[in-house]
Amino acid sequence: MGREVLLVGGGRVAAGKLRQLLTAGACVRVVSPLVLAEIESIARRFDRDAAGARMVHVVRRAFQESDVDGVWLVVAAATPDVNRQVAGAAERRRVFVNAVDDPDNATAYLSGVVRRDDVTIAISTSGDAPALTALVREALDAVLPADIRDWVATARRARVGWRRSGVPMEARKPLLLRALNHLYDVDALDSLAASGAVPWLSGPEDSWL
């Protein structure tokens, strides 16, 4: 949160990246000779963070290599020629760069992200198929339950009890599924979980720690 990111470009694609970066809590410096009114509107809407720091700085000029100094990440959303300049400057400073629709000049990829309450799901095709990333993101957003907040609250409460009681990792997924089923009183699914017949319960998952 609050880390400095350089966004080179002022067009429609840059506007989309700006929203994504601001939603993640970054402070963004936008550098471009021409900047869409949409970007100015986004900058006004986000304005300042909780600590009062400006979240967006718009600099209306061409990219300069020194723009990369001191940032944590660079997003190149300009022309191919400018993106190559940005990628070279970032490489020399060992700063990761996301070059939009230009994987040859990218060292990092910004995935499609679904955010619903306290749940975040990221999708990536390693920069090779951004349209597919968008389609998968939309599909996941459509199937997530409207009451996912209740799922998170249930899982959070259960985890506290598991840790206190020393419940082993392999027992937690069936227990959580049972607790989620009780939100809807789905007896059939509850019995299925108890039998161990639910396919997705088998693999290890670090997030259960």
C-alpha atoms as a PDB file:
ATOM      1  CA  MET A   1       0.000   0.000   0.000  1.00  0.00           C
ATOM      2  CA  GLY A   2       1.185   3.482  -0.871  1.00  0.00           C
ATOM      3  CA  ARG A   3       4.184   2.379  -2.927  1.00  0.00           C
ATOM      4  CA  GLU A   4       5.236   4.486  -5.883  1.00  0.00           C
ATOM      5  CA  VAL A   5       4.419   3.181  -9.366  1.00  0.00           C
ATOM      6  CA  LEU A   6       5.248   4.827 -12.687  1.00  0.00           C
ATOM      7  CA  LEU A   7       2.617   4.586 -15.422  1.00  0.00           C
ATOM      8  CA  VAL A   8       3.837   5.701 -18.844  1.00  0.00           C
ATOM      9  CA  GLY A   9       0.971   6.460 -21.211  1.00  0.00           C
ATOM     10  CA  GLY A  10      -2.175   8.535 -21.180  1.00  0.00           C
ATOM     11  CA  GLY A  11      -4.651   6.618 -23.335  1.00  0.00           C
ATOM     12  CA  ARG A  12      -7.523   4.212 -22.780  1.00  0.00           C
ATOM     13  CA  VAL A  13      -5.280   1.269 -21.853  1.00  0.00           C
ATOM     14  CA  ALA A  14      -3.373   3.435 -19.369  1.00  0.00           C
ATOM     15  CA  ALA A  15      -6.690   4.474 -17.787  1.00  0.00           C
ATOM     16  CA  GLY A  16      -7.568   0.833 -17.187  1.00  0.00           C
ATOM     17  CA  LYS A  17      -4.169   0.144 -15.638  1.00  0.00           C
ATOM     18  CA  LEU A  18      -4.495   3.244 -13.462  1.00  0.00           C
ATOM     19  CA  ARG A  19      -7.743   1.962 -11.958  1.00  0.00           C
ATOM     20  CA  GLN A  20      -6.147  -1.406 -11.239  1.00  0.00           C
ATOM     21  CA  LEU A  21      -3.102   0.138  -9.569  1.00  0.00           C
ATOM     22  CA  LEU A  22      -5.128   2.551  -7.445  1.00  0.00           C
ATOM     23  CA  THR A  23      -7.475  -0.200  -6.321  1.00  0.00           C
ATOM     24  CA  ALA A  24      -4.399  -2.092  -5.115  1.00  0.00           C
ATOM     25  CA  GLY A  25      -3.389   0.957  -3.066  1.00  0.00           C
ATOM     26  CA  ALA A  26      -0.464   2.243  -5.159  1.00  0.00           C
ATOM     27  CA  CYS A  27       0.540   5.878  -5.528  1.00  0.00           C
ATOM     28  CA  VAL A  28       0.845   6.420  -9.275  1.00  0.00           C
ATOM     29  CA  ARG A  29       2.787   8.949 -11.339  1.00  0.00           C
ATOM     30  CA  VAL A  30       1.345   9.159 -14.857  1.00  0.00           C
ATOM     31  CA  VAL A  31       3.759  10.436 -17.514  1.00  0.00           C
ATOM     32  CA  SER A  32       2.506  11.229 -21.010  1.00  0.00           C
ATOM     33  CA  PRO A  33       2.382  14.234 -23.377  1.00  0.00           C
ATOM     34  CA  LEU A  34      -1.339  13.591 -23.923  1.00  0.00           C
ATOM     35  CA  VAL A  35      -3.668  12.453 -21.160  1.00  0.00           C
ATOM     36  CA  LEU A  36      -7.293  11.425 -21.597  1.00  0.00           C
ATOM     37  CA  ALA A  37      -9.928  13.263 -19.597  1.00  0.00           C
ATOM     38  CA  GLU A  38     -10.846   9.830 -18.193  1.00  0.00           C
ATOM     39  CA  ILE A  39      -7.470   9.644 -16.434  1.00  0.00           C
ATOM     40  CA  GLU A  40      -7.980  13.109 -14.952  1.00  0.00           C
ATOM     41  CA  SER A  41     -11.392  11.997 -13.731  1.00  0.00           C
ATOM     42  CA  ILE A  42      -9.940   8.884 -12.096  1.00  0.00           C
ATOM     43  CA  ALA A  43      -7.254  11.003 -10.431  1.00  0.00           C
ATOM     44  CA  ARG A  44      -9.881  13.337  -8.978  1.00  0.00           C
ATOM     45  CA  ARG A  45     -11.993  10.438  -7.748  1.00  0.00           C
ATOM     46  CA  PHE A  46      -9.163   8.743  -5.853  1.00  0.00           C
ATOM     47  CA  ASP A  47      -7.447  12.017  -4.879  1.00  0.00           C
ATOM     48  CA  ARG A  48      -5.742  11.176  -1.548  1.00  0.00           C
ATOM     49  CA  ASP A  49      -5.191   8.080   0.585  1.00  0.00           C
ATOM     50  CA  ALA A  50      -6.124   7.637   4.246  1.00  0.00           C
ATOM     51  CA  ALA A  51      -2.890   9.349   5.327  1.00  0.00           C
ATOM     52  CA  GLY A  52      -3.597  12.363   3.116  1.00  0.00           C
ATOM     53  CA  ALA A  53      -0.971  11.606   0.452  1.00  0.00           C
ATOM     54  CA  ARG A  54      -1.851  12.252  -3.191  1.00  0.00           C
ATOM     55  CA  MET A  55      -2.511   8.992  -4.980  1.00  0.00           C
ATOM     56  CA  VAL A  56      -2.097  10.251  -8.560  1.00  0.00           C
ATOM     57  CA  HIS A  57       0.385  12.715 -10.056  1.00  0.00           C
ATOM     58  CA  VAL A  58      -0.107  13.528 -13.745  1.00  0.00           C
ATOM     59  CA  VAL A  59       2.983  14.784 -15.592  1.00  0.00           C
ATOM     60  CA  ARG A  60       2.225  15.985 -19.145  1.00  0.00           C
ATOM     61  CA  ARG A  61       5.471  15.397 -21.011  1.00  0.00           C
ATOM     62  CA  ALA A  62       7.434  12.676 -22.785  1.00  0.00           C
ATOM     63  CA  PHE A  63       9.017   9.859 -20.804  1.00  0.00           C
ATOM     64  CA  GLN A  64      12.479  10.470 -19.368  1.00  0.00           C
ATOM     65  CA  GLU A  65      14.752   7.708 -18.128  1.00  0.00           C
ATOM     66  CA  SER A  66      15.014   9.361 -14.720  1.00  0.00           C
ATOM     67  CA  ASP A  67      11.257   8.852 -14.255  1.00  0.00           C
ATOM     68  CA  VAL A  68      12.054   5.263 -13.255  1.00  0.00           C
ATOM     69  CA  ASP A  69      14.223   6.315 -10.311  1.00  0.00           C
ATOM     70  CA  GLY A  70      12.790   5.403  -6.934  1.00  0.00           C
ATOM     71  CA  VAL A  71       9.699   3.502  -8.051  1.00  0.00           C
ATOM     72  CA  TRP A  72       8.715  -0.048  -7.137  1.00  0.00           C
ATOM     73  CA  LEU A  73       7.074  -0.931 -10.444  1.00  0.00           C
ATOM     74  CA  VAL A  74       6.758   0.519 -13.939  1.00  0.00           C
ATOM     75  CA  VAL A  75       3.772   0.069 -16.242  1.00  0.00           C
ATOM     76  CA  ALA A  76       4.419   0.900 -19.905  1.00  0.00           C
ATOM     77  CA  ALA A  77       1.146   1.614 -21.710  1.00  0.00           C
ATOM     78  CA  ALA A  78       2.426   3.812 -24.514  1.00  0.00           C
ATOM     79  CA  THR A  79       3.579   3.151 -28.090  1.00  0.00           C
ATOM     80  CA  PRO A  80       5.899   0.191 -28.800  1.00  0.00           C
ATOM     81  CA  ASP A  81       8.897   2.517 -29.227  1.00  0.00           C
ATOM     82  CA  VAL A  82       8.259   4.260 -25.910  1.00  0.00           C
ATOM     83  CA  ASN A  83       7.584   0.946 -24.188  1.00  0.00           C
ATOM     84  CA  ARG A  84      11.013  -0.286 -25.316  1.00  0.00           C
ATOM     85  CA  GLN A  85      12.647   2.836 -23.873  1.00  0.00           C
ATOM     86  CA  VAL A  86      10.792   2.347 -20.608  1.00  0.00           C
ATOM     87  CA  ALA A  87      11.714  -1.344 -20.446  1.00  0.00           C
ATOM     88  CA  GLY A  88      15.394  -0.538 -21.031  1.00  0.00           C
ATOM     89  CA  ALA A  89      15.442   2.113 -18.315  1.00  0.00           C
ATOM     90  CA  ALA A  90      13.715  -0.243 -15.875  1.00  0.00           C
ATOM     91  CA  GLU A  91      16.083  -3.109 -16.719  1.00  0.00           C
ATOM     92  CA  ARG A  92      19.131  -0.957 -16.003  1.00  0.00           C
ATOM     93  CA  ARG A  93      17.686  -0.078 -12.593  1.00  0.00           C
ATOM     94  CA  ARG A  94      16.496  -3.601 -11.802  1.00  0.00           C
ATOM     95  CA  VAL A  95      12.877  -2.463 -11.585  1.00  0.00           C
ATOM     96  CA  PHE A  96      10.092  -4.736 -12.788  1.00  0.00           C
ATOM     97  CA  VAL A  97       8.127  -3.441 -15.779  1.00  0.00           C
ATOM     98  CA  ASN A  98       4.732  -4.442 -17.087  1.00  0.00           C
ATOM     99  CA  ALA A  99       4.581  -3.607 -20.806  1.00  0.00           C
ATOM    100  CA  VAL A 100       0.956  -3.713 -21.882  1.00  0.00           C
ATOM    101  CA  ASP A 101       0.339  -6.143 -24.764  1.00  0.00           C
ATOM    102  CA  ASP A 102       4.117  -6.300 -25.280  1.00  0.00           C
ATOM    103  CA  PRO A 103       5.439  -9.400 -23.441  1.00  0.00           C
ATOM    104  CA  ASP A 104       8.894  -9.096 -25.054  1.00  0.00           C
ATOM    105  CA  ASN A 105       9.486  -5.908 -23.067  1.00  0.00           C
ATOM    106  CA  ALA A 106       7.835  -7.099 -19.858  1.00  0.00           C
ATOM    107  CA  THR A 107       9.358  -8.571 -16.716  1.00  0.00           C
ATOM    108  CA  ALA A 108       6.089  -8.575 -14.749  1.00  0.00           C
ATOM    109  CA  TYR A 109       2.463  -9.244 -15.632  1.00  0.00           C
ATOM    110  CA  LEU A 110      -0.581  -7.562 -14.135  1.00  0.00           C
ATOM    111  CA  SER A 111      -3.218 -10.249 -13.896  1.00  0.00           C
ATOM    112  CA  GLY A 112      -6.940  -9.929 -14.238  1.00  0.00           C
ATOM    113  CA  VAL A 113      -8.314  -9.491 -10.730  1.00  0.00           C
ATOM    114  CA  VAL A 114     -11.700 -10.227  -9.209  1.00  0.00           C
ATOM    115  CA  ARG A 115     -12.275  -8.462  -5.881  1.00  0.00           C
ATOM    116  CA  ARG A 116     -15.385  -9.248  -3.893  1.00  0.00           C
ATOM    117  CA  ASP A 117     -15.485  -8.129  -0.273  1.00  0.00           C
ATOM    118  CA  ASP A 118     -12.419  -9.778   1.334  1.00  0.00           C
ATOM    119  CA  VAL A 119     -11.823 -12.252  -1.503  1.00  0.00           C
ATOM    120  CA  THR A 120      -9.304 -11.532  -4.278  1.00  0.00           C
ATOM    121  CA  ILE A 121      -8.748 -13.846  -7.243  1.00  0.00           C
ATOM    122  CA  ALA A 122      -5.985 -13.186  -9.796  1.00  0.00           C
ATOM    123  CA  ILE A 123      -5.850 -14.633 -13.312  1.00  0.00           C
ATOM    124  CA  SER A 124      -2.831 -14.512 -15.607  1.00  0.00           C
ATOM    125  CA  THR A 125      -1.948 -15.815 -19.068  1.00  0.00           C
ATOM    126  CA  SER A 126       1.651 -14.519 -18.742  1.00  0.00           C
ATOM    127  CA  GLY A 127       0.810 -11.574 -20.964  1.00  0.00           C
ATOM    128  CA  ASP A 128       0.168 -13.784 -24.007  1.00  0.00           C
ATOM    129  CA  ALA A 129      -3.650 -13.706 -24.066  1.00  0.00           C
ATOM    130  CA  PRO A 130      -5.047 -10.649 -22.258  1.00  0.00           C
ATOM    131  CA  ALA A 131      -8.486 -11.078 -23.841  1.00  0.00           C
ATOM    132  CA  LEU A 132      -8.703 -14.602 -22.392  1.00  0.00           C
ATOM    133  CA  THR A 133      -7.637 -13.271 -19.003  1.00  0.00           C
ATOM    134  CA  ALA A 134     -10.519 -10.799 -19.153  1.00  0.00           C
ATOM    135  CA  LEU A 135     -13.029 -13.506 -20.117  1.00  0.00           C
ATOM    136  CA  VAL A 136     -11.942 -15.794 -17.271  1.00  0.00           C
ATOM    137  CA  ARG A 137     -12.116 -12.883 -14.847  1.00  0.00           C
ATOM    138  CA  GLU A 138     -15.681 -12.093 -15.924  1.00  0.00           C
ATOM    139  CA  ALA A 139     -16.676 -15.757 -15.639  1.00  0.00           C
ATOM    140  CA  LEU A 140     -15.292 -16.050 -12.106  1.00  0.00           C
ATOM    141  CA  ASP A 141     -16.973 -12.808 -11.085  1.00  0.00           C
ATOM    142  CA  ALA A 142     -20.276 -14.189 -12.335  1.00  0.00           C
ATOM    143  CA  VAL A 143     -20.101 -17.460 -10.361  1.00  0.00           C
ATOM    144  CA  LEU A 144     -18.867 -16.100  -7.030  1.00  0.00           C
ATOM    145  CA  PRO A 145     -21.720 -16.155  -4.501  1.00  0.00           C
ATOM    146  CA  ALA A 146     -23.315 -12.826  -3.638  1.00  0.00           C
ATOM    147  CA  ASP A 147     -22.862 -13.610   0.067  1.00  0.00           C
ATOM    148  CA  ILE A 148     -19.120 -14.358  -0.136  1.00  0.00           C
ATOM    149  CA  ARG A 149     -18.645 -12.018   2.827  1.00  0.00           C
ATOM    150  CA  ASP A 150     -20.493 -14.564   4.976  1.00  0.00           C
ATOM    151  CA  TRP A 151     -18.175 -17.316   3.680  1.00  0.00           C
ATOM    152  CA  VAL A 152     -15.138 -15.297   4.715  1.00  0.00           C
ATOM    153  CA  ALA A 153     -16.572 -14.559   8.163  1.00  0.00           C
ATOM    154  CA  THR A 154     -17.383 -18.251   8.679  1.00  0.00           C
ATOM    155  CA  ALA A 155     -13.889 -19.336   7.605  1.00  0.00           C
ATOM    156  CA  ARG A 156     -12.247 -16.710   9.807  1.00  0.00           C
ATOM    157  CA  ARG A 157     -14.155 -17.820  12.907  1.00  0.00           C
ATOM    158  CA  ALA A 158     -13.494 -21.492  12.168  1.00  0.00           C
ATOM    159  CA  ARG A 159      -9.763 -20.923  11.739  1.00  0.00           C
ATOM    160  CA  VAL A 160      -9.503 -19.355  15.193  1.00  0.00           C
ATOM    161  CA  GLY A 161     -11.106 -22.445  16.713  1.00  0.00           C
ATOM    162  CA  TRP A 162      -8.970 -24.851  14.677  1.00  0.00           C
ATOM    163  CA  ARG A 163      -5.753 -23.196  15.760  1.00  0.00           C
ATOM    164  CA  ARG A 164      -6.845 -23.158  19.392  1.00  0.00           C
ATOM    165  CA  SER A 165      -7.874 -26.816  19.276  1.00  0.00           C
ATOM    166  CA  GLY A 166      -4.927 -28.018  17.182  1.00  0.00           C
ATOM    167  CA  VAL A 167      -7.084 -29.352  14.337  1.00  0.00           C
ATOM    168  CA  PRO A 168      -4.731 -30.882  11.719  1.00  0.00           C
ATOM    169  CA  MET A 169      -4.515 -29.262   8.271  1.00  0.00           C
ATOM    170  CA  GLU A 170      -5.988 -32.241   6.426  1.00  0.00           C
ATOM    171  CA  ALA A 171      -9.158 -32.070   8.540  1.00  0.00           C
ATOM    172  CA  ARG A 172      -9.879 -28.384   7.966  1.00  0.00           C
ATOM    173  CA  LYS A 173     -11.301 -28.376   4.451  1.00  0.00           C
ATOM    174  CA  PRO A 174     -14.103 -30.881   5.200  1.00  0.00           C
ATOM    175  CA  LEU A 175     -14.905 -28.969   8.388  1.00  0.00           C
ATOM    176  CA  LEU A 176     -15.100 -25.674   6.533  1.00  0.00           C
ATOM    177  CA  LEU A 177     -17.292 -27.110   3.790  1.00  0.00           C
ATOM    178  CA  ARG A 178     -19.626 -28.435   6.460  1.00  0.00           C
ATOM    179  CA  ALA A 179     -19.745 -25.011   8.144  1.00  0.00           C
ATOM    180  CA  LEU A 180     -20.485 -23.292   4.821  1.00  0.00           C
ATOM    181  CA  ASN A 181     -23.224 -25.814   4.059  1.00  0.00           C
ATOM    182  CA  HIS A 182     -24.843 -24.982   7.388  1.00  0.00           C
ATOM    183  CA  LEU A 183     -25.285 -21.418   6.139  1.00  0.00           C
ATOM    184  CA  TYR A 184     -27.846 -22.880   3.726  1.00  0.00           C
ATOM    185  CA  ASP A 185     -28.792 -26.064   5.596  1.00  0.00           C
ATOM    186  CA  VAL A 186     -27.796 -28.267   2.644  1.00  0.00           C
ATOM    187  CA  ASP A 187     -27.917 -31.703   4.273  1.00  0.00           C
ATOM    188  CA  ALA A 188     -26.988 -33.629   1.158  1.00  0.00           C
ATOM    189  CA  LEU A 189     -23.762 -31.705   0.599  1.00  0.00           C
ATOM    190  CA  ASP A 190     -22.975 -31.927   4.304  1.00  0.00           C
ATOM    191  CA  SER A 191     -23.175 -35.713   4.116  1.00  0.00           C
ATOM    192  CA  LEU A 192     -21.026 -35.715   1.001  1.00  0.00           C
ATOM    193  CA  ALA A 193     -18.311 -33.720   2.768  1.00  0.00           C
ATOM    194  CA  ALA A 194     -18.420 -36.072   5.757  1.00  0.00           C
ATOM    195  CA  SER A 195     -17.872 -39.044   3.444  1.00  0.00           C
ATOM    196  CA  GLY A 196     -14.748 -37.490   1.972  1.00  0.00           C
ATOM    197  CA  ALA A 197     -16.194 -37.687  -1.551  1.00  0.00           C
ATOM    198  CA  VAL A 198     -15.759 -34.019  -2.474  1.00  0.00           C
ATOM    199  CA  PRO A 199     -13.036 -33.913  -5.200  1.00  0.00           C
ATOM    200  CA  TRP A 200     -11.473 -30.546  -4.397  1.00  0.00           C
ATOM    201  CA  LEU A 201     -10.742 -31.502  -0.799  1.00  0.00           C
ATOM    202  CA  SER A 202      -7.744 -33.684  -1.670  1.00  0.00           C
ATOM    203  CA  GLY A 203      -4.883 -31.311  -2.593  1.00  0.00           C
ATOM    204  CA  PRO A 204      -2.577 -29.404  -0.199  1.00  0.00           C
ATOM    205  CA  GLU A 205      -3.171 -25.675   0.034  1.00  0.00           C
ATOM    206  CA  ASP A 206      -0.839 -23.225   1.803  1.00  0.00           C
ATOM    207  CA  SER A 207      -3.641 -20.747   2.414  1.00  0.00           C
ATOM    208  CA  TRP A 208      -5.142 -23.062   4.996  1.00  0.00           C
ATOM    209  CA  LEU A 209      -2.248 -22.499   7.376  1.00  0.00           C
END
